[in-house]
Protein backbone atom coordinates (compact mmCIF):
# COMPACT_ATOMS: atom_id res chain seq x y z
CA SER A 1 87.07 130.70 145.08
CA CYS A 2 83.75 132.53 144.51
CA ARG A 3 84.41 135.44 146.99
CA LYS A 4 87.24 136.41 144.55
CA ALA A 5 86.65 140.15 143.02
CA PRO A 6 85.40 139.33 139.34
CA ASP A 7 89.08 141.25 138.03
CA ALA A 8 90.19 139.49 140.16
CA LEU A 9 88.90 136.28 139.15
CA ALA A 10 88.94 137.07 135.40
CA ALA A 11 93.03 137.14 135.94
CA GLY A 12 93.13 134.20 138.06
CA PRO A 13 92.33 129.90 136.88
CA TRP A 14 88.39 131.67 135.85
CA SER A 15 87.69 131.95 132.58
CA PRO A 16 85.65 135.24 131.92
CA GLN A 17 82.57 133.01 130.93
CA GLU A 18 82.27 131.78 133.90
CA VAL A 19 83.23 134.50 135.28
CA GLN A 20 80.31 136.31 133.55
CA GLY A 21 77.95 132.79 134.49
CA PHE A 22 79.48 133.54 137.84
CA LEU A 23 78.13 137.06 137.87
CA ASP A 24 74.97 136.40 135.94
CA THR A 25 74.05 133.78 138.91
CA LEU A 26 75.02 135.93 141.48
CA GLN A 27 72.45 138.76 140.23
CA HIS A 28 69.12 135.56 139.83
CA ARG A 29 68.77 134.63 142.81
CA THR A 30 69.53 138.10 144.26
CA PHE A 31 66.04 139.03 141.82
CA LEU A 32 64.05 136.00 143.52
CA TYR A 33 65.02 136.76 146.91
CA PHE A 34 62.94 139.76 145.65
CA TRP A 35 60.08 137.92 143.38
CA GLU A 36 59.10 134.82 146.01
CA LEU A 37 59.62 136.07 149.18
CA GLY A 38 57.51 139.38 148.46
CA ASP A 39 53.54 140.14 148.23
CA THR A 40 52.42 139.28 145.47
CA THR A 41 49.18 141.62 145.81
CA ARG A 42 50.55 144.71 148.07
CA GLY A 43 54.55 143.92 147.64
CA LEU A 44 55.57 144.28 150.59
CA THR A 45 58.79 142.36 151.37
CA PRO A 46 60.90 140.51 154.28
CA ASP A 47 63.76 142.38 155.99
CA ARG A 48 65.48 138.96 155.72
CA ALA A 49 64.90 134.92 155.18
CA PRO A 50 64.18 132.08 155.40
CA THR A 51 63.72 134.00 159.22
CA HIS A 52 59.97 134.99 159.50
CA SER A 53 60.66 138.99 159.23
CA PHE A 54 58.78 142.32 159.48
CA VAL A 55 58.73 144.09 155.96
CA SER A 56 61.27 146.40 155.05
CA THR A 57 59.98 149.67 153.23
CA GLY A 58 64.10 149.84 152.40
CA ALA A 59 63.69 146.62 150.73
CA MET A 60 60.36 147.68 148.90
CA GLY A 61 62.13 150.53 147.10
CA PHE A 62 65.56 147.17 145.99
CA ALA A 63 62.17 144.88 145.49
CA LEU A 64 60.89 148.16 142.46
CA THR A 65 64.57 148.25 141.18
CA ALA A 66 64.34 144.70 140.29
CA TYR A 67 61.56 143.53 138.96
CA PRO A 68 62.21 145.66 135.42
CA ILE A 69 66.48 144.28 135.92
CA GLY A 70 64.14 141.14 135.51
CA ALA A 71 61.91 141.78 133.06
CA GLU A 72 64.32 143.09 131.08
CA HIS A 73 66.67 139.98 131.65
CA GLY A 74 63.11 137.55 130.50
CA TRP A 75 63.58 136.11 133.75
CA VAL A 76 59.74 137.46 134.47
CA SER A 77 57.59 138.87 131.65
CA ARG A 78 57.21 142.56 131.52
CA GLU A 79 53.78 142.27 131.83
CA SER A 80 53.86 139.74 135.33
CA ALA A 81 56.70 142.88 136.16
CA ARG A 82 54.40 145.31 135.61
CA ALA A 83 51.48 144.12 137.66
CA ARG A 84 53.71 143.60 141.07
CA THR A 85 54.91 146.79 140.23
CA LEU A 86 51.37 148.50 139.97
CA ALA A 87 49.86 146.89 142.37
CA THR A 88 53.07 148.28 145.06
CA LEU A 89 51.86 151.37 143.62
CA ARG A 90 48.39 151.32 144.77
CA PHE A 91 49.23 150.26 148.00
CA LEU A 92 52.46 152.46 148.61
CA TRP A 93 48.98 155.31 147.37
CA THR A 94 46.09 153.71 149.56
CA ALA A 95 47.88 152.81 152.96
CA PRO A 96 47.51 155.20 155.51
CA GLN A 97 49.03 158.24 155.99
CA ASP A 98 48.44 160.11 158.87
CA SER A 99 50.03 161.41 162.57
CA SER A 100 48.23 157.91 164.24
CA ALA A 101 50.58 155.10 165.85
CA THR A 102 49.60 152.54 163.52
CA ALA A 103 49.74 154.17 160.57
CA THR A 104 52.03 152.77 157.25
CA GLY A 105 53.45 156.48 156.84
CA TYR A 106 53.01 160.45 157.91
CA ARG A 107 53.48 163.62 155.67
CA GLY A 108 54.35 160.85 152.93
CA PHE A 109 57.29 159.15 153.99
CA TYR A 110 56.96 155.56 155.74
CA TYR A 111 58.04 154.09 158.39
CA HIS A 112 61.02 151.88 158.56
CA PHE A 113 59.33 148.37 159.50
CA LEU A 114 55.59 147.27 158.72
CA ASP A 115 54.36 144.53 159.35
CA PRO A 116 53.84 141.85 157.03
CA ALA A 117 49.90 140.99 157.84
CA SER A 118 48.36 144.56 157.75
CA GLY A 119 50.97 146.41 156.31
CA ARG A 120 50.90 149.32 158.80
CA ARG A 121 53.07 150.52 161.43
CA PHE A 122 55.39 147.50 162.85
CA GLU A 123 55.53 147.82 167.05
CA ARG A 124 56.94 151.81 167.73
CA VAL A 125 59.89 151.80 164.73
CA GLU A 126 60.49 155.89 163.29
CA LEU A 127 59.36 157.35 160.62
CA SER A 128 62.12 156.63 158.29
CA THR A 129 63.34 159.72 156.11
CA MET A 130 65.70 157.16 154.20
CA ASP A 131 64.17 154.25 154.00
CA THR A 132 61.58 156.39 152.02
CA ALA A 133 63.93 157.63 150.01
CA LEU A 134 65.74 153.93 149.46
CA LEU A 135 61.45 153.17 148.84
CA LEU A 136 61.16 156.25 146.61
CA GLY A 137 64.39 155.76 144.44
CA GLY A 138 62.61 151.85 143.90
CA VAL A 139 59.26 154.11 142.90
CA LEU A 140 60.80 156.36 140.11
CA PHE A 141 63.49 153.61 138.26
CA CYS A 142 59.70 151.89 137.70
CA GLN A 143 58.18 155.35 136.75
CA SER A 144 61.04 155.84 133.97
CA TYR A 145 60.75 152.37 133.20
CA PHE A 146 57.79 151.68 132.00
CA ASP A 147 57.18 154.12 129.95
CA ARG A 148 55.01 153.07 127.21
CA ALA A 149 51.48 153.66 125.82
CA GLY A 150 49.17 150.61 127.26
CA PRO A 151 46.50 151.92 130.73
CA ASP A 152 48.76 149.98 133.05
CA GLU A 153 52.20 151.38 132.46
CA ARG A 154 50.54 155.16 132.27
CA ALA A 155 48.44 153.86 135.85
CA VAL A 156 52.13 152.91 137.45
CA ARG A 157 53.65 156.54 136.15
CA GLU A 158 50.98 158.19 137.32
CA LEU A 159 50.64 157.12 141.23
CA ALA A 160 54.50 157.34 140.96
CA ASP A 161 54.81 160.88 140.74
CA SER A 162 51.52 161.27 143.59
CA ILE A 163 54.09 159.30 145.83
CA VAL A 164 56.40 161.75 144.70
CA ARG A 165 55.27 164.70 145.27
CA ARG A 166 53.46 163.42 148.42
CA VAL A 167 57.01 163.12 150.66
CA ASP A 168 57.50 167.04 152.23
CA TRP A 169 60.75 166.92 152.46
CA GLN A 170 60.59 169.59 154.53
CA TRP A 171 58.47 168.98 157.23
CA ALA A 172 61.41 166.69 157.81
CA GLN A 173 63.59 169.26 158.58
CA PRO A 174 62.69 170.61 162.09
CA ARG A 175 66.48 171.13 162.28
CA PRO A 176 67.41 173.33 159.07
CA PRO A 177 68.83 173.13 157.03
CA VAL A 178 69.38 169.65 157.42
CA ILE A 179 67.06 166.69 157.35
CA ALA A 180 65.92 164.61 160.36
CA LEU A 181 66.68 161.16 160.58
CA GLY A 182 63.06 160.02 161.48
CA TRP A 183 59.97 161.03 163.58
CA SER A 184 57.45 158.99 165.92
CA PRO A 185 53.99 159.40 166.93
CA GLU A 186 55.20 159.20 170.30
CA HIS A 187 58.18 162.15 170.15
CA GLY A 188 58.51 164.08 167.40
CA HIS A 189 61.51 164.14 164.91
CA LEU A 190 64.10 162.02 165.86
CA PRO A 191 66.87 164.60 167.92
CA TYR A 192 69.42 163.30 165.33
CA ASP A 193 70.74 164.72 161.36
CA TRP A 194 71.81 163.32 158.47
CA ARG A 195 75.19 164.56 158.40
CA GLY A 196 79.36 163.54 157.07
CA TYR A 197 78.84 161.20 154.16
CA ASN A 198 77.05 157.64 155.14
CA GLU A 199 74.42 156.24 153.07
CA THR A 200 71.90 159.01 151.79
CA MET A 201 73.09 160.54 148.94
CA LEU A 202 69.89 159.64 147.33
CA LEU A 203 67.95 160.73 150.36
CA HIS A 204 69.24 164.13 149.81
CA VAL A 205 69.13 164.71 145.68
CA LEU A 206 65.73 163.32 145.80
CA ALA A 207 64.69 166.49 148.86
CA LEU A 208 66.64 168.81 146.68
CA GLY A 209 64.88 167.69 143.74
CA SER A 210 61.28 167.71 144.78
CA PRO A 211 58.70 168.99 142.70
CA SER A 212 56.51 170.02 145.42
CA HIS A 213 58.15 170.07 148.91
CA PRO A 214 62.53 170.96 147.97
CA VAL A 215 64.78 171.63 149.80
CA GLY A 216 67.73 174.52 149.83
CA PRO A 217 70.58 174.13 148.31
CA GLU A 218 72.34 175.18 152.11
CA THR A 219 71.34 171.40 152.84
CA TRP A 220 73.54 170.14 150.63
CA HIS A 221 76.06 172.57 152.51
CA ALA A 222 74.77 170.66 155.29
CA TRP A 223 75.37 167.35 154.72
CA THR A 224 78.68 167.62 153.44
CA SER A 225 80.18 169.85 155.38
CA GLY A 226 80.18 166.79 157.42
CA TYR A 227 82.69 164.96 155.27
CA ARG A 228 85.65 162.95 156.63
CA TRP A 229 88.69 163.26 154.08
CA GLY A 230 91.24 160.42 154.27
CA SER A 231 94.06 158.21 152.45
CA PHE A 232 95.40 155.86 151.69
CA ASP A 233 98.17 154.29 148.38
CA GLY A 234 98.18 158.09 147.89
CA GLN A 235 94.42 157.79 147.02
CA GLU A 236 92.25 160.65 148.76
CA HIS A 237 88.87 159.20 149.62
CA LEU A 238 85.89 159.51 152.10
CA GLY A 239 86.32 157.76 155.06
CA PHE A 240 82.84 156.26 155.94
CA ALA A 241 84.16 152.23 156.25
CA PRO A 242 80.46 150.47 155.64
CA LEU A 243 80.34 149.26 152.43
CA PHE A 244 76.36 149.73 152.50
CA GLY A 245 77.34 153.42 152.90
CA HIS A 246 78.54 153.81 149.07
CA GLN A 247 76.45 151.28 147.52
CA TYR A 248 72.79 152.55 148.00
CA SER A 249 73.23 155.21 146.05
């Protein structure tokens, strides 16, 4: 069965070559989701398929991570991956960033979902600190990967640096030292903060390491103070059931 874990497959009736073939196919198909469904001129990535969907800024971050992986595997050329990346970063940098209800973002953060036609806020969704973090993860991955001397790769690095520096993590702390889940122009900061183990390790690392608006170490301590520990079969672990909380960062 394809639903077995890879180590179970290796120990079962499948040969190591068959296991690797299955994993390669799975990885390629995952890459194609981002490559074939993403907007080629702005990098807008749908939240889901095949039904029509709004754009997810978190998915755009995963797409930016996927492009260099596709280039390394030879599924697309480095030039094509670079062009798609550059188009995405140019959109992110030039899209409206203000406190209006119809912008793409504010204070360097981006709305959770965007309208696929305009690239602006979808309906009345919140400005999301976590989805912005996922987006920044992809931005930084591309900044590291496209390290050659040509003008396009230099532009990728410069745009990535500008996008990262614009994010005002300190503004996202209305109740310091913790970081709020989000903000909306209608209601201001959401009344919820990130505490305890969840998908936000990446968010906190980015906020701590910000070159322009870093948070203090007390933010990390406040987040980890909410950890819930447990044990299973003699193994101690963090109690957060959803798998994505462990995968995302």
